[in-house]
C-alpha atoms as a PDB file:
ATOM      1  CA  MET A   1    -179.363 -16.086 -29.209  1.00  0.00           C
ATOM      2  CA  GLN A   2    -181.941 -18.303 -27.586  1.00  0.00           C
ATOM      3  CA  GLU A   3    -185.245 -16.857 -26.503  1.00  0.00           C
ATOM      4  CA  ILE A   4    -186.232 -17.274 -22.852  1.00  0.00           C
ATOM      5  CA  ILE A   5    -189.614 -18.928 -22.420  1.00  0.00           C
ATOM      6  CA  PHE A   6    -191.307 -18.483 -19.063  1.00  0.00           C
ATOM      7  CA  ILE A   7    -193.452 -21.188 -17.485  1.00  0.00           C
ATOM      8  CA  GLU A   8    -196.396 -18.782 -17.299  1.00  0.00           C
ATOM      9  CA  ASP A   9    -196.445 -18.775 -21.082  1.00  0.00           C
ATOM     10  CA  PHE A  10    -197.280 -22.467 -21.040  1.00  0.00           C
ATOM     11  CA  LEU A  11    -200.334 -22.033 -18.816  1.00  0.00           C
ATOM     12  CA  SER A  12    -202.457 -21.143 -21.826  1.00  0.00           C
ATOM     13  CA  PRO A  13    -202.773 -24.038 -24.290  1.00  0.00           C
ATOM     14  CA  SER A  14    -202.806 -21.753 -27.325  1.00  0.00           C
ATOM     15  CA  VAL A  15    -199.630 -19.982 -26.195  1.00  0.00           C
ATOM     16  CA  ALA A  16    -197.994 -23.305 -25.422  1.00  0.00           C
ATOM     17  CA  LEU A  17    -198.823 -24.649 -28.870  1.00  0.00           C
ATOM     18  CA  ALA A  18    -197.552 -21.463 -30.497  1.00  0.00           C
ATOM     19  CA  ASN A  19    -194.270 -21.759 -28.578  1.00  0.00           C
ATOM     20  CA  ILE A  20    -193.888 -25.420 -29.465  1.00  0.00           C
ATOM     21  CA  GLU A  21    -194.609 -24.612 -33.104  1.00  0.00           C
ATOM     22  CA  LYS A  22    -192.011 -21.840 -33.015  1.00  0.00           C
ATOM     23  CA  VAL A  23    -189.405 -24.182 -31.506  1.00  0.00           C
ATOM     24  CA  LEU A  24    -190.176 -26.863 -34.098  1.00  0.00           C
ATOM     25  CA  ASN A  25    -189.952 -24.344 -36.926  1.00  0.00           C
ATOM     26  CA  ASN A  26    -186.573 -23.164 -35.623  1.00  0.00           C
ATOM     27  CA  MET A  27    -185.376 -26.765 -35.429  1.00  0.00           C
ATOM     28  CA  GLU A  28    -186.551 -27.416 -38.981  1.00  0.00           C
ATOM     29  CA  SER A  29    -184.736 -24.310 -40.177  1.00  0.00           C
ATOM     30  CA  ASN A  30    -181.533 -25.336 -38.387  1.00  0.00           C
ATOM     31  CA  ILE A  31    -181.683 -28.857 -39.789  1.00  0.00           C
ATOM     32  CA  SER A  32    -182.325 -27.540 -43.301  1.00  0.00           C
ATOM     33  CA  SER A  33    -179.368 -25.172 -43.018  1.00  0.00           C
ATOM     34  CA  THR A  34    -177.167 -27.975 -41.751  1.00  0.00           C
ATOM     35  CA  ILE A  35    -178.141 -30.252 -44.634  1.00  0.00           C
ATOM     36  CA  LYS A  36    -177.578 -27.457 -47.156  1.00  0.00           C
ATOM     37  CA  ASP A  37    -174.151 -26.671 -45.669  1.00  0.00           C
ATOM     38  CA  ARG A  38    -173.208 -30.363 -45.686  1.00  0.00           C
ATOM     39  CA  LYS A  39    -174.140 -30.711 -49.352  1.00  0.00           C
ATOM     40  CA  ARG A  40    -172.135 -27.595 -50.225  1.00  0.00           C
ATOM     41  CA  ASN A  41    -169.137 -28.888 -48.262  1.00  0.00           C
ATOM     42  CA  LEU A  42    -169.310 -32.271 -49.993  1.00  0.00           C
ATOM     43  CA  THR A  43    -169.461 -30.575 -53.387  1.00  0.00           C
ATOM     44  CA  GLU A  44    -166.437 -28.435 -52.520  1.00  0.00           C
ATOM     45  CA  LEU A  45    -164.513 -31.469 -51.242  1.00  0.00           C
ATOM     46  CA  ARG A  46    -165.268 -33.432 -54.413  1.00  0.00           C
ATOM     47  CA  GLU A  47    -164.018 -30.548 -56.536  1.00  0.00           C
ATOM     48  CA  LYS A  48    -160.845 -30.213 -54.455  1.00  0.00           C
ATOM     49  CA  LYS A  49    -160.264 -33.963 -54.759  1.00  0.00           C
ATOM     50  CA  ARG A  50    -160.652 -33.733 -58.532  1.00  0.00           C
ATOM     51  CA  VAL A  51    -158.201 -30.818 -58.755  1.00  0.00           C
ATOM     52  CA  ILE A  52    -155.654 -32.600 -56.546  1.00  0.00           C
ATOM     53  CA  SER A  53    -155.972 -35.795 -58.615  1.00  0.00           C
ATOM     54  CA  GLU A  54    -155.341 -33.821 -61.803  1.00  0.00           C
ATOM     55  CA  HIS A  55    -152.335 -32.136 -60.203  1.00  0.00           C
ATOM     56  CA  ILE A  56    -150.919 -35.510 -59.151  1.00  0.00           C
ATOM     57  CA  LYS A  57    -151.481 -36.908 -62.647  1.00  0.00           C
ATOM     58  CA  ASP A  58    -149.677 -33.907 -64.191  1.00  0.00           C
ATOM     59  CA  LYS A  59    -146.728 -34.266 -61.820  1.00  0.00           C
ATOM     60  CA  ARG A  60    -146.542 -38.004 -62.497  1.00  0.00           C
ATOM     61  CA  ASN A  61    -146.385 -37.273 -66.239  1.00  0.00           C
ATOM     62  CA  GLU A  62    -143.621 -34.712 -65.649  1.00  0.00           C
ATOM     63  CA  VAL A  63    -141.611 -37.221 -63.587  1.00  0.00           C
ATOM     64  CA  THR A  64    -142.120 -39.938 -66.216  1.00  0.00           C
ATOM     65  CA  ALA A  65    -140.962 -37.586 -68.989  1.00  0.00           C
ATOM     66  CA  LEU A  66    -137.887 -36.625 -66.960  1.00  0.00           C
ATOM     67  CA  LEU A  67    -137.039 -40.279 -66.263  1.00  0.00           C
ATOM     68  CA  ASP A  68    -137.474 -41.138 -69.947  1.00  0.00           C
ATOM     69  CA  HIS A  69    -135.116 -38.300 -70.855  1.00  0.00           C
ATOM     70  CA  LEU A  70    -132.537 -39.459 -68.292  1.00  0.00           C
ATOM     71  CA  GLU A  71    -132.819 -43.037 -69.554  1.00  0.00           C
ATOM     72  CA  GLU A  72    -132.171 -41.893 -73.122  1.00  0.00           C
ATOM     73  CA  ASN A  73    -129.113 -39.923 -72.028  1.00  0.00           C
ATOM     74  CA  LEU A  74    -127.741 -42.881 -70.063  1.00  0.00           C
ATOM     75  CA  GLN A  75    -128.270 -45.235 -72.983  1.00  0.00           C
ATOM     76  CA  GLN A  76    -126.560 -42.817 -75.357  1.00  0.00           C
ATOM     77  CA  ASN A  77    -123.636 -42.415 -72.955  1.00  0.00           C
ATOM     78  CA  ALA A  78    -123.404 -46.178 -72.450  1.00  0.00           C
ATOM     79  CA  SER A  79    -123.409 -46.846 -76.202  1.00  0.00           C
ATOM     80  CA  THR A  80    -120.533 -44.423 -76.789  1.00  0.00           C
ATOM     81  CA  LEU A  81    -118.319 -46.252 -74.286  1.00  0.00           C
END
């Protein structure tokens, strides 16, 4: 929720500076949170990519093993003809 700042508050230089400092501190906090969240998201995405790549590699090995088995069976059947 955003704080309402009245124009009267800016009539005093010290109050104006305090308000500007508060706004800048809030912006810094928001930017820091955004950067932290982005880094966390990138880390999570990299891990998901790694897991998916491993899964694909495992499935490829399963398919290759199945095709090798089928090839052996076909060759055996062909040699008995």
